[in-house]
Amino acid sequence: MKPPKNIKIYSPVVQEAYDSIPVLDWATDAITEGIASRIDAVMKEKGISKKNLADITHHRPSDVTRWLSGGHNFTCRTIALIEQALGAPIITIAQ
Protein backbone atom coordinates (compact mmCIF):
# COMPACT_ATOMS: atom_id res chain seq x y z
CA MET A 1 0.00 0.00 0.00
CA LYS A 2 1.18 3.46 -0.83
CA PRO A 3 0.61 6.60 1.25
CA PRO A 4 -2.48 8.65 0.47
CA LYS A 5 -1.74 11.34 -2.09
CA ASN A 6 -4.71 13.63 -1.38
CA ILE A 7 -3.24 14.99 1.86
CA LYS A 8 -2.47 18.71 1.88
CA ILE A 9 0.69 19.43 3.85
CA TYR A 10 1.78 23.04 4.08
CA SER A 11 4.98 22.63 6.05
CA PRO A 12 8.08 21.47 4.17
CA VAL A 13 9.39 19.86 7.36
CA VAL A 14 6.18 17.86 7.87
CA GLN A 15 6.10 16.98 4.14
CA GLU A 16 9.64 15.64 4.34
CA ALA A 17 8.76 13.53 7.40
CA TYR A 18 5.58 12.28 5.69
CA ASP A 19 7.50 11.36 2.54
CA SER A 20 10.09 9.44 4.55
CA ILE A 21 7.56 6.96 6.00
CA PRO A 22 8.46 3.56 4.51
CA VAL A 23 5.91 1.86 2.24
CA LEU A 24 6.07 -1.18 4.55
CA ASP A 25 4.74 0.99 7.39
CA TRP A 26 1.80 2.11 5.24
CA ALA A 27 1.08 -1.53 4.34
CA THR A 28 1.30 -2.63 7.98
CA ASP A 29 -1.09 0.12 9.03
CA ALA A 30 -3.58 -0.93 6.36
CA ILE A 31 -3.52 -4.54 7.60
CA THR A 32 -3.88 -3.65 11.28
CA GLU A 33 -6.69 -1.20 10.51
CA GLY A 34 -8.43 -3.92 8.50
CA ILE A 35 -8.16 -6.38 11.38
CA ALA A 36 -9.48 -3.79 13.84
CA SER A 37 -12.36 -2.98 11.52
CA ARG A 38 -13.29 -6.66 11.18
CA ILE A 39 -13.19 -7.17 14.97
CA ASP A 40 -15.41 -4.12 15.44
CA ALA A 41 -17.87 -5.33 12.78
CA VAL A 42 -18.18 -8.80 14.35
CA MET A 43 -18.60 -7.29 17.80
CA LYS A 44 -21.44 -5.09 16.53
CA GLU A 45 -23.02 -7.97 14.59
CA LYS A 46 -23.03 -10.15 17.71
CA GLY A 47 -23.85 -7.39 20.20
CA ILE A 48 -20.58 -7.84 22.10
CA SER A 49 -19.27 -4.80 23.96
CA LYS A 50 -15.63 -3.98 24.64
CA LYS A 51 -16.16 -5.01 28.25
CA ASN A 52 -17.73 -8.32 27.16
CA LEU A 53 -14.78 -9.08 24.88
CA ALA A 54 -12.34 -8.12 27.62
CA ASP A 55 -14.09 -10.47 30.06
CA ILE A 56 -14.22 -13.36 27.57
CA THR A 57 -10.54 -13.02 26.62
CA HIS A 58 -9.39 -12.30 30.20
CA HIS A 59 -7.86 -9.02 29.09
CA ARG A 60 -8.38 -5.46 30.29
CA PRO A 61 -10.90 -3.24 28.49
CA SER A 62 -7.95 -0.98 27.62
CA ASP A 63 -6.44 -3.92 25.69
CA VAL A 64 -9.63 -4.22 23.64
CA THR A 65 -9.57 -0.47 23.00
CA ARG A 66 -5.98 -0.81 21.78
CA TRP A 67 -6.98 -3.72 19.49
CA LEU A 68 -9.74 -1.59 17.99
CA SER A 69 -7.54 1.49 17.54
CA GLY A 70 -6.14 0.24 14.26
CA GLY A 71 -2.49 0.56 15.24
CA HIS A 72 -2.04 -2.59 17.31
CA ASN A 73 0.58 -5.06 16.07
CA PHE A 74 -1.43 -8.27 16.42
CA THR A 75 0.21 -11.61 17.03
CA CYS A 76 -1.32 -14.74 15.51
CA ARG A 77 -2.07 -15.88 19.07
CA THR A 78 -4.05 -12.71 19.84
CA ILE A 79 -6.02 -13.00 16.60
CA ALA A 80 -6.80 -16.67 17.37
CA LEU A 81 -7.91 -15.69 20.89
CA ILE A 82 -10.21 -12.97 19.53
CA GLU A 83 -11.62 -15.32 16.88
CA GLN A 84 -12.41 -17.93 19.53
CA ALA A 85 -13.97 -15.32 21.80
CA LEU A 86 -16.15 -13.91 19.02
CA GLY A 87 -16.94 -17.26 17.44
CA ALA A 88 -16.16 -15.84 14.02
CA PRO A 89 -13.14 -15.60 11.72
CA ILE A 90 -11.19 -12.34 11.71
CA ILE A 91 -8.67 -13.28 9.04
CA THR A 92 -9.09 -15.77 6.22
CA ILE A 93 -5.99 -17.53 4.96
CA ALA A 94 -5.93 -18.23 1.22
CA GLN A 95 -5.60 -21.91 0.40
PDB file of N, CA and C in Angstrom:
ATOM      1  N   MET A   1       0.848  -1.175   0.000  1.00  0.00           N
ATOM      2  CA  MET A   1       0.000   0.000   0.000  1.00  0.00           C
ATOM      3  C   MET A   1       0.888   1.231   0.000  1.00  0.00           C
ATOM      4  N   LYS A   2       0.452   2.207  -0.747  1.00  0.00           N
ATOM      5  CA  LYS A   2       1.179   3.463  -0.826  1.00  0.00           C
ATOM      6  C   LYS A   2       0.479   4.515   0.020  1.00  0.00           C
ATOM      7  N   PRO A   3       1.220   5.536   0.438  1.00  0.00           N
ATOM      8  CA  PRO A   3       0.607   6.599   1.246  1.00  0.00           C
ATOM      9  C   PRO A   3      -0.453   7.349   0.459  1.00  0.00           C
ATOM     10  N   PRO A   4      -1.456   7.855   1.147  1.00  0.00           N
ATOM     11  CA  PRO A   4      -2.478   8.649   0.468  1.00  0.00           C
ATOM     12  C   PRO A   4      -1.852   9.893  -0.176  1.00  0.00           C
ATOM     13  N   LYS A   5      -2.294  10.195  -1.369  1.00  0.00           N
ATOM     14  CA  LYS A   5      -1.740  11.341  -2.092  1.00  0.00           C
ATOM     15  C   LYS A   5      -2.593  12.594  -1.945  1.00  0.00           C
ATOM     16  N   ASN A   6      -3.797  12.480  -1.442  1.00  0.00           N
ATOM     17  CA  ASN A   6      -4.707  13.625  -1.382  1.00  0.00           C
ATOM     18  C   ASN A   6      -4.585  14.410  -0.077  1.00  0.00           C
ATOM     19  N   ILE A   7      -3.470  14.282   0.610  1.00  0.00           N
ATOM     20  CA  ILE A   7      -3.245  14.986   1.863  1.00  0.00           C
ATOM     21  C   ILE A   7      -2.537  16.310   1.553  1.00  0.00           C
ATOM     22  N   LYS A   8      -3.101  17.390   2.044  1.00  0.00           N
ATOM     23  CA  LYS A   8      -2.470  18.711   1.875  1.00  0.00           C
ATOM     24  C   LYS A   8      -1.565  18.967   3.070  1.00  0.00           C
ATOM     25  N   ILE A   9      -0.279  19.122   2.800  1.00  0.00           N
ATOM     26  CA  ILE A   9       0.685  19.434   3.848  1.00  0.00           C
ATOM     27  C   ILE A   9       1.352  20.746   3.462  1.00  0.00           C
ATOM     28  N   TYR A  10       1.299  21.700   4.373  1.00  0.00           N
ATOM     29  CA  TYR A  10       1.781  23.044   4.077  1.00  0.00           C
ATOM     30  C   TYR A  10       3.175  23.322   4.624  1.00  0.00           C
ATOM     31  N   SER A  11       3.654  22.441   5.475  1.00  0.00           N
ATOM     32  CA  SER A  11       4.981  22.633   6.050  1.00  0.00           C
ATOM     33  C   SER A  11       5.984  21.728   5.340  1.00  0.00           C
ATOM     34  N   PRO A  12       7.064  22.291   4.827  1.00  0.00           N
ATOM     35  CA  PRO A  12       8.080  21.470   4.167  1.00  0.00           C
ATOM     36  C   PRO A  12       8.692  20.436   5.121  1.00  0.00           C
ATOM     37  N   VAL A  13       8.811  20.784   6.379  1.00  0.00           N
ATOM     38  CA  VAL A  13       9.388  19.856   7.364  1.00  0.00           C
ATOM     39  C   VAL A  13       8.460  18.658   7.555  1.00  0.00           C
ATOM     40  N   VAL A  14       7.160  18.944   7.698  1.00  0.00           N
ATOM     41  CA  VAL A  14       6.184  17.863   7.869  1.00  0.00           C
ATOM     42  C   VAL A  14       6.102  17.039   6.578  1.00  0.00           C
ATOM     43  N   GLN A  15       6.147  17.692   5.427  1.00  0.00           N
ATOM     44  CA  GLN A  15       6.102  16.981   4.143  1.00  0.00           C
ATOM     45  C   GLN A  15       7.280  16.026   4.022  1.00  0.00           C
ATOM     46  N   GLU A  16       8.447  16.487   4.416  1.00  0.00           N
ATOM     47  CA  GLU A  16       9.640  15.640   4.345  1.00  0.00           C
ATOM     48  C   GLU A  16       9.495  14.421   5.260  1.00  0.00           C
ATOM     49  N   ALA A  17       8.974  14.643   6.470  1.00  0.00           N
ATOM     50  CA  ALA A  17       8.762  13.532   7.404  1.00  0.00           C
ATOM     51  C   ALA A  17       7.722  12.554   6.839  1.00  0.00           C
ATOM     52  N   TYR A  18       6.645  13.093   6.287  1.00  0.00           N
ATOM     53  CA  TYR A  18       5.582  12.278   5.689  1.00  0.00           C
ATOM     54  C   TYR A  18       6.135  11.436   4.542  1.00  0.00           C
ATOM     55  N   ASP A  19       6.919  12.047   3.692  1.00  0.00           N
ATOM     56  CA  ASP A  19       7.495  11.356   2.539  1.00  0.00           C
ATOM     57  C   ASP A  19       8.505  10.287   2.936  1.00  0.00           C
ATOM     58  N   SER A  20       9.068  10.399   4.139  1.00  0.00           N
ATOM     59  CA  SER A  20      10.091   9.440   4.552  1.00  0.00           C
ATOM     60  C   SER A  20       9.507   8.190   5.224  1.00  0.00           C
ATOM     61  N   ILE A  21       8.179   8.136   5.396  1.00  0.00           N
ATOM     62  CA  ILE A  21       7.557   6.958   5.999  1.00  0.00           C
ATOM     63  C   ILE A  21       7.668   5.804   5.003  1.00  0.00           C
ATOM     64  N   PRO A  22       8.264   4.686   5.431  1.00  0.00           N
ATOM     65  CA  PRO A  22       8.459   3.558   4.513  1.00  0.00           C
ATOM     66  C   PRO A  22       7.125   2.962   4.041  1.00  0.00           C
ATOM     67  N   VAL A  23       7.101   2.483   2.812  1.00  0.00           N
ATOM     68  CA  VAL A  23       5.911   1.856   2.237  1.00  0.00           C
ATOM     69  C   VAL A  23       5.472   0.675   3.099  1.00  0.00           C
ATOM     70  N   LEU A  24       6.416  -0.049   3.682  1.00  0.00           N
ATOM     71  CA  LEU A  24       6.071  -1.177   4.549  1.00  0.00           C
ATOM     72  C   LEU A  24       5.235  -0.718   5.736  1.00  0.00           C
ATOM     73  N   ASP A  25       5.532   0.457   6.274  1.00  0.00           N
ATOM     74  CA  ASP A  25       4.739   0.993   7.389  1.00  0.00           C
ATOM     75  C   ASP A  25       3.311   1.295   6.950  1.00  0.00           C
ATOM     76  N   TRP A  26       3.144   1.840   5.752  1.00  0.00           N
ATOM     77  CA  TRP A  26       1.801   2.105   5.241  1.00  0.00           C
ATOM     78  C   TRP A  26       1.039   0.794   5.072  1.00  0.00           C
ATOM     79  N   ALA A  27       1.717  -0.231   4.551  1.00  0.00           N
ATOM     80  CA  ALA A  27       1.078  -1.531   4.339  1.00  0.00           C
ATOM     81  C   ALA A  27       0.697  -2.169   5.668  1.00  0.00           C
ATOM     82  N   THR A  28       1.580  -2.077   6.653  1.00  0.00           N
ATOM     83  CA  THR A  28       1.298  -2.630   7.976  1.00  0.00           C
ATOM     84  C   THR A  28       0.097  -1.944   8.599  1.00  0.00           C
ATOM     85  N   ASP A  29       0.043  -0.635   8.493  1.00  0.00           N
ATOM     86  CA  ASP A  29      -1.094   0.119   9.035  1.00  0.00           C
ATOM     87  C   ASP A  29      -2.401  -0.302   8.370  1.00  0.00           C
ATOM     88  N   ALA A  30      -2.367  -0.517   7.070  1.00  0.00           N
ATOM     89  CA  ALA A  30      -3.584  -0.930   6.358  1.00  0.00           C
ATOM     90  C   ALA A  30      -4.068  -2.288   6.859  1.00  0.00           C
ATOM     91  N   ILE A  31      -3.152  -3.209   7.110  1.00  0.00           N
ATOM     92  CA  ILE A  31      -3.525  -4.539   7.603  1.00  0.00           C
ATOM     93  C   ILE A  31      -4.087  -4.447   9.017  1.00  0.00           C
ATOM     94  N   THR A  32      -3.400  -3.728   9.899  1.00  0.00           N
ATOM     95  CA  THR A  32      -3.882  -3.652  11.285  1.00  0.00           C
ATOM     96  C   THR A  32      -5.213  -2.912  11.373  1.00  0.00           C
ATOM     97  N   GLU A  33      -5.401  -1.902  10.534  1.00  0.00           N
ATOM     98  CA  GLU A  33      -6.690  -1.200  10.509  1.00  0.00           C
ATOM     99  C   GLU A  33      -7.788  -2.109   9.987  1.00  0.00           C
ATOM    100  N   GLY A  34      -7.466  -2.956   9.013  1.00  0.00           N
ATOM    101  CA  GLY A  34      -8.434  -3.916   8.495  1.00  0.00           C
ATOM    102  C   GLY A  34      -8.839  -4.938   9.542  1.00  0.00           C
ATOM    103  N   ILE A  35      -7.874  -5.427  10.313  1.00  0.00           N
ATOM    104  CA  ILE A  35      -8.161  -6.379  11.381  1.00  0.00           C
ATOM    105  C   ILE A  35      -9.044  -5.720  12.440  1.00  0.00           C
ATOM    106  N   ALA A  36      -8.691  -4.516  12.837  1.00  0.00           N
ATOM    107  CA  ALA A  36      -9.475  -3.793  13.841  1.00  0.00           C
ATOM    108  C   ALA A  36     -10.902  -3.566  13.350  1.00  0.00           C
ATOM    109  N   SER A  37     -11.045  -3.213  12.100  1.00  0.00           N
ATOM    110  CA  SER A  37     -12.361  -2.980  11.523  1.00  0.00           C
ATOM    111  C   SER A  37     -13.194  -4.257  11.519  1.00  0.00           C
ATOM    112  N   ARG A  38     -12.576  -5.373  11.194  1.00  0.00           N
ATOM    113  CA  ARG A  38     -13.286  -6.661  11.180  1.00  0.00           C
ATOM    114  C   ARG A  38     -13.720  -7.047  12.601  1.00  0.00           C
ATOM    115  N   ILE A  39     -12.834  -6.871  13.579  1.00  0.00           N
ATOM    116  CA  ILE A  39     -13.192  -7.169  14.972  1.00  0.00           C
ATOM    117  C   ILE A  39     -14.386  -6.318  15.388  1.00  0.00           C
ATOM    118  N   ASP A  40     -14.326  -5.030  15.092  1.00  0.00           N
ATOM    119  CA  ASP A  40     -15.413  -4.122  15.444  1.00  0.00           C
ATOM    120  C   ASP A  40     -16.721  -4.546  14.779  1.00  0.00           C
ATOM    121  N   ALA A  41     -16.666  -4.927  13.511  1.00  0.00           N
ATOM    122  CA  ALA A  41     -17.875  -5.332  12.782  1.00  0.00           C
ATOM    123  C   ALA A  41     -18.497  -6.585  13.396  1.00  0.00           C
ATOM    124  N   VAL A  42     -17.662  -7.570  13.741  1.00  0.00           N
ATOM    125  CA  VAL A  42     -18.179  -8.803  14.347  1.00  0.00           C
ATOM    126  C   VAL A  42     -18.759  -8.510  15.722  1.00  0.00           C
ATOM    127  N   MET A  43     -18.080  -7.654  16.484  1.00  0.00           N
ATOM    128  CA  MET A  43     -18.598  -7.288  17.803  1.00  0.00           C
ATOM    129  C   MET A  43     -19.986  -6.655  17.671  1.00  0.00           C
ATOM    130  N   LYS A  44     -20.146  -5.742  16.728  1.00  0.00           N
ATOM    131  CA  LYS A  44     -21.442  -5.088  16.527  1.00  0.00           C
ATOM    132  C   LYS A  44     -22.495  -6.093  16.066  1.00  0.00           C
ATOM    133  N   GLU A  45     -22.107  -6.954  15.131  1.00  0.00           N
ATOM    134  CA  GLU A  45     -23.017  -7.969  14.594  1.00  0.00           C
ATOM    135  C   GLU A  45     -23.543  -8.891  15.698  1.00  0.00           C
ATOM    136  N   LYS A  46     -22.663  -9.217  16.648  1.00  0.00           N
ATOM    137  CA  LYS A  46     -23.027 -10.155  17.709  1.00  0.00           C
ATOM    138  C   LYS A  46     -23.453  -9.465  18.999  1.00  0.00           C
ATOM    139  N   GLY A  47     -23.434  -8.135  19.012  1.00  0.00           N
ATOM    140  CA  GLY A  47     -23.847  -7.392  20.202  1.00  0.00           C
ATOM    141  C   GLY A  47     -22.891  -7.550  21.371  1.00  0.00           C
ATOM    142  N   ILE A  48     -21.605  -7.662  21.064  1.00  0.00           N
ATOM    143  CA  ILE A  48     -20.582  -7.837  22.097  1.00  0.00           C
ATOM    144  C   ILE A  48     -19.907  -6.492  22.352  1.00  0.00           C
ATOM    145  N   SER A  49     -19.903  -6.067  23.598  1.00  0.00           N
ATOM    146  CA  SER A  49     -19.269  -4.802  23.960  1.00  0.00           C
ATOM    147  C   SER A  49     -17.775  -5.012  24.201  1.00  0.00           C
ATOM    148  N   LYS A  50     -17.059  -3.901  24.310  1.00  0.00           N
ATOM    149  CA  LYS A  50     -15.632  -3.976  24.640  1.00  0.00           C
ATOM    150  C   LYS A  50     -15.437  -4.697  25.967  1.00  0.00           C
ATOM    151  N   LYS A  51     -16.274  -4.375  26.946  1.00  0.00           N
ATOM    152  CA  LYS A  51     -16.163  -5.012  28.252  1.00  0.00           C
ATOM    153  C   LYS A  51     -16.423  -6.506  28.147  1.00  0.00           C
ATOM    154  N   ASN A  52     -17.445  -6.894  27.365  1.00  0.00           N
ATOM    155  CA  ASN A  52     -17.728  -8.318  27.165  1.00  0.00           C
ATOM    156  C   ASN A  52     -16.514  -9.031  26.572  1.00  0.00           C
ATOM    157  N   LEU A  53     -15.933  -8.445  25.525  1.00  0.00           N
ATOM    158  CA  LEU A  53     -14.782  -9.076  24.878  1.00  0.00           C
ATOM    159  C   LEU A  53     -13.603  -9.150  25.841  1.00  0.00           C
ATOM    160  N   ALA A  54     -13.418  -8.114  26.624  1.00  0.00           N
ATOM    161  CA  ALA A  54     -12.344  -8.123  27.619  1.00  0.00           C
ATOM    162  C   ALA A  54     -12.567  -9.254  28.621  1.00  0.00           C
ATOM    163  N   ASP A  55     -13.784  -9.415  29.091  1.00  0.00           N
ATOM    164  CA  ASP A  55     -14.091 -10.472  30.059  1.00  0.00           C
ATOM    165  C   ASP A  55     -13.870 -11.855  29.446  1.00  0.00           C
ATOM    166  N   ILE A  56     -14.339 -12.053  28.231  1.00  0.00           N
ATOM    167  CA  ILE A  56     -14.223 -13.357  27.568  1.00  0.00           C
ATOM    168  C   ILE A  56     -12.758 -13.727  27.328  1.00  0.00           C
ATOM    169  N   THR A  57     -11.948 -12.751  26.954  1.00  0.00           N
ATOM    170  CA  THR A  57     -10.540 -13.017  26.623  1.00  0.00           C
ATOM    171  C   THR A  57      -9.611 -12.905  27.831  1.00  0.00           C
ATOM    172  N   HIS A  58     -10.183 -12.514  28.983  1.00  0.00           N
ATOM    173  CA  HIS A  58      -9.388 -12.301  30.201  1.00  0.00           C
ATOM    174  C   HIS A  58      -8.320 -11.230  30.007  1.00  0.00           C
ATOM    175  N   HIS A  59      -8.714 -10.188  29.289  1.00  0.00           N
ATOM    176  CA  HIS A  59      -7.865  -9.017  29.089  1.00  0.00           C
ATOM    177  C   HIS A  59      -8.555  -7.800  29.684  1.00  0.00           C
ATOM    178  N   ARG A  60      -7.812  -6.718  29.788  1.00  0.00           N
ATOM    179  CA  ARG A  60      -8.385  -5.463  30.289  1.00  0.00           C
ATOM    180  C   ARG A  60      -9.167  -4.785  29.165  1.00  0.00           C
ATOM    181  N   PRO A  61     -10.187  -4.010  29.518  1.00  0.00           N
ATOM    182  CA  PRO A  61     -10.902  -3.238  28.494  1.00  0.00           C
ATOM    183  C   PRO A  61      -9.963  -2.325  27.704  1.00  0.00           C
ATOM    184  N   SER A  62      -8.914  -1.835  28.343  1.00  0.00           N
ATOM    185  CA  SER A  62      -7.955  -0.982  27.621  1.00  0.00           C
ATOM    186  C   SER A  62      -7.224  -1.765  26.534  1.00  0.00           C
ATOM    187  N   ASP A  63      -7.040  -3.084  26.738  1.00  0.00           N
ATOM    188  CA  ASP A  63      -6.437  -3.915  25.687  1.00  0.00           C
ATOM    189  C   ASP A  63      -7.362  -3.977  24.477  1.00  0.00           C
ATOM    190  N   VAL A  64      -8.648  -4.167  24.735  1.00  0.00           N
ATOM    191  CA  VAL A  64      -9.625  -4.225  23.638  1.00  0.00           C
ATOM    192  C   VAL A  64      -9.649  -2.886  22.901  1.00  0.00           C
ATOM    193  N   THR A  65      -9.612  -1.795  23.628  1.00  0.00           N
ATOM    194  CA  THR A  65      -9.573  -0.470  23.000  1.00  0.00           C
ATOM    195  C   THR A  65      -8.343  -0.351  22.100  1.00  0.00           C
ATOM    196  N   ARG A  66      -7.212  -0.846  22.572  1.00  0.00           N
ATOM    197  CA  ARG A  66      -5.978  -0.810  21.776  1.00  0.00           C
ATOM    198  C   ARG A  66      -6.128  -1.675  20.522  1.00  0.00           C
ATOM    199  N   TRP A  67      -6.749  -2.857  20.655  1.00  0.00           N
ATOM    200  CA  TRP A  67      -6.982  -3.721  19.491  1.00  0.00           C
ATOM    201  C   TRP A  67      -7.826  -3.008  18.437  1.00  0.00           C
ATOM    202  N   LEU A  68      -8.812  -2.251  18.907  1.00  0.00           N
ATOM    203  CA  LEU A  68      -9.742  -1.592  17.992  1.00  0.00           C
ATOM    204  C   LEU A  68      -9.220  -0.259  17.454  1.00  0.00           C
ATOM    205  N   SER A  69      -8.079   0.188  17.943  1.00  0.00           N
ATOM    206  CA  SER A  69      -7.544   1.488  17.542  1.00  0.00           C
ATOM    207  C   SER A  69      -7.000   1.492  16.117  1.00  0.00           C
ATOM    208  N   GLY A  70      -6.667   0.316  15.602  1.00  0.00           N
ATOM    209  CA  GLY A  70      -6.135   0.236  14.256  1.00  0.00           C
ATOM    210  C   GLY A  70      -4.630   0.283  14.177  1.00  0.00           C
ATOM    211  N   GLY A  71      -3.948   0.496  15.266  1.00  0.00           N
ATOM    212  CA  GLY A  71      -2.493   0.558  15.235  1.00  0.00           C
ATOM    213  C   GLY A  71      -1.816  -0.572  15.976  1.00  0.00           C
ATOM    214  N   HIS A  72      -2.599  -1.508  16.518  1.00  0.00           N
ATOM    215  CA  HIS A  72      -2.037  -2.591  17.314  1.00  0.00           C
ATOM    216  C   HIS A  72      -1.332  -3.609  16.420  1.00  0.00           C
ATOM    217  N   ASN A  73      -0.158  -4.044  16.809  1.00  0.00           N
ATOM    218  CA  ASN A  73       0.584  -5.055  16.067  1.00  0.00           C
ATOM    219  C   ASN A  73       0.158  -6.429  16.590  1.00  0.00           C
ATOM    220  N   PHE A  74      -0.866  -7.008  15.962  1.00  0.00           N
ATOM    221  CA  PHE A  74      -1.430  -8.273  16.420  1.00  0.00           C
ATOM    222  C   PHE A  74      -0.469  -9.433  16.230  1.00  0.00           C
ATOM    223  N   THR A  75      -0.466 -10.334  17.210  1.00  0.00           N
ATOM    224  CA  THR A  75       0.210 -11.613  17.028  1.00  0.00           C
ATOM    225  C   THR A  75      -0.837 -12.603  16.524  1.00  0.00           C
ATOM    226  N   CYS A  76      -0.391 -13.692  15.949  1.00  0.00           N
ATOM    227  CA  CYS A  76      -1.317 -14.739  15.511  1.00  0.00           C
ATOM    228  C   CYS A  76      -2.090 -15.275  16.708  1.00  0.00           C
ATOM    229  N   ARG A  77      -1.431 -15.373  17.847  1.00  0.00           N
ATOM    230  CA  ARG A  77      -2.074 -15.876  19.065  1.00  0.00           C
ATOM    231  C   ARG A  77      -3.222 -14.959  19.497  1.00  0.00           C
ATOM    232  N   THR A  78      -3.005 -13.661  19.450  1.00  0.00           N
ATOM    233  CA  THR A  78      -4.052 -12.712  19.838  1.00  0.00           C
ATOM    234  C   THR A  78      -5.228 -12.790  18.867  1.00  0.00           C
ATOM    235  N   ILE A  79      -4.936 -12.892  17.581  1.00  0.00           N
ATOM    236  CA  ILE A  79      -6.016 -13.003  16.600  1.00  0.00           C
ATOM    237  C   ILE A  79      -6.807 -14.288  16.847  1.00  0.00           C
ATOM    238  N   ALA A  80      -6.114 -15.397  17.092  1.00  0.00           N
ATOM    239  CA  ALA A  80      -6.799 -16.666  17.368  1.00  0.00           C
ATOM    240  C   ALA A  80      -7.661 -16.546  18.622  1.00  0.00           C
ATOM    241  N   LEU A  81      -7.155 -15.890  19.646  1.00  0.00           N
ATOM    242  CA  LEU A  81      -7.909 -15.688  20.887  1.00  0.00           C
ATOM    243  C   LEU A  81      -9.191 -14.890  20.609  1.00  0.00           C
ATOM    244  N   ILE A  82      -9.059 -13.817  19.848  1.00  0.00           N
ATOM    245  CA  ILE A  82     -10.213 -12.972  19.533  1.00  0.00           C
ATOM    246  C   ILE A  82     -11.215 -13.747  18.674  1.00  0.00           C
ATOM    247  N   GLU A  83     -10.729 -14.510  17.704  1.00  0.00           N
ATOM    248  CA  GLU A  83     -11.620 -15.316  16.876  1.00  0.00           C
ATOM    249  C   GLU A  83     -12.405 -16.320  17.723  1.00  0.00           C
ATOM    250  N   GLN A  84     -11.730 -16.974  18.655  1.00  0.00           N
ATOM    251  CA  GLN A  84     -12.413 -17.931  19.533  1.00  0.00           C
ATOM    252  C   GLN A  84     -13.437 -17.218  20.403  1.00  0.00           C
ATOM    253  N   ALA A  85     -13.065 -16.075  20.924  1.00  0.00           N
ATOM    254  CA  ALA A  85     -13.968 -15.325  21.800  1.00  0.00           C
ATOM    255  C   ALA A  85     -15.215 -14.847  21.054  1.00  0.00           C
ATOM    256  N   LEU A  86     -15.038 -14.435  19.806  1.00  0.00           N
ATOM    257  CA  LEU A  86     -16.152 -13.915  19.023  1.00  0.00           C
ATOM    258  C   LEU A  86     -16.922 -15.009  18.286  1.00  0.00           C
ATOM    259  N   GLY A  87     -16.291 -16.181  18.169  1.00  0.00           N
ATOM    260  CA  GLY A  87     -16.937 -17.261  17.436  1.00  0.00           C
ATOM    261  C   GLY A  87     -17.076 -16.965  15.965  1.00  0.00           C
ATOM    262  N   ALA A  88     -16.121 -16.225  15.420  1.00  0.00           N
ATOM    263  CA  ALA A  88     -16.161 -15.836  14.015  1.00  0.00           C
ATOM    264  C   ALA A  88     -14.732 -15.598  13.528  1.00  0.00           C
ATOM    265  N   PRO A  89     -14.475 -15.862  12.247  1.00  0.00           N
ATOM    266  CA  PRO A  89     -13.138 -15.596  11.724  1.00  0.00           C
ATOM    267  C   PRO A  89     -12.869 -14.092  11.612  1.00  0.00           C
ATOM    268  N   ILE A  90     -11.641 -13.724  11.873  1.00  0.00           N
ATOM    269  CA  ILE A  90     -11.189 -12.341  11.710  1.00  0.00           C
ATOM    270  C   ILE A  90     -10.355 -12.234  10.448  1.00  0.00           C
ATOM    271  N   ILE A  91      -9.525 -13.239  10.217  1.00  0.00           N
ATOM    272  CA  ILE A  91      -8.667 -13.284   9.035  1.00  0.00           C
ATOM    273  C   ILE A  91      -8.934 -14.604   8.313  1.00  0.00           C
ATOM    274  N   THR A  92      -8.964 -14.557   7.002  1.00  0.00           N
ATOM    275  CA  THR A  92      -9.093 -15.772   6.216  1.00  0.00           C
ATOM    276  C   THR A  92      -7.777 -15.989   5.480  1.00  0.00           C
ATOM    277  N   ILE A  93      -7.243 -17.181   5.609  1.00  0.00           N
ATOM    278  CA  ILE A  93      -5.985 -17.528   4.964  1.00  0.00           C
ATOM    279  C   ILE A  93      -6.301 -18.169   3.615  1.00  0.00           C
ATOM    280  N   ALA A  94      -5.705 -17.662   2.554  1.00  0.00           N
ATOM    281  CA  ALA A  94      -5.925 -18.227   1.218  1.00  0.00           C
ATOM    282  C   ALA A  94      -5.338 -19.627   1.165  1.00  0.00           C
ATOM    283  N   GLN A  95      -6.064 -20.513   0.523  1.00  0.00           N
ATOM    284  CA  GLN A  95      -5.599 -21.915   0.405  1.00  0.00           C
ATOM    285  C   GLN A  95      -4.767 -22.096  -0.837  1.00  0.00           C
TER     286      GLN A  95
END
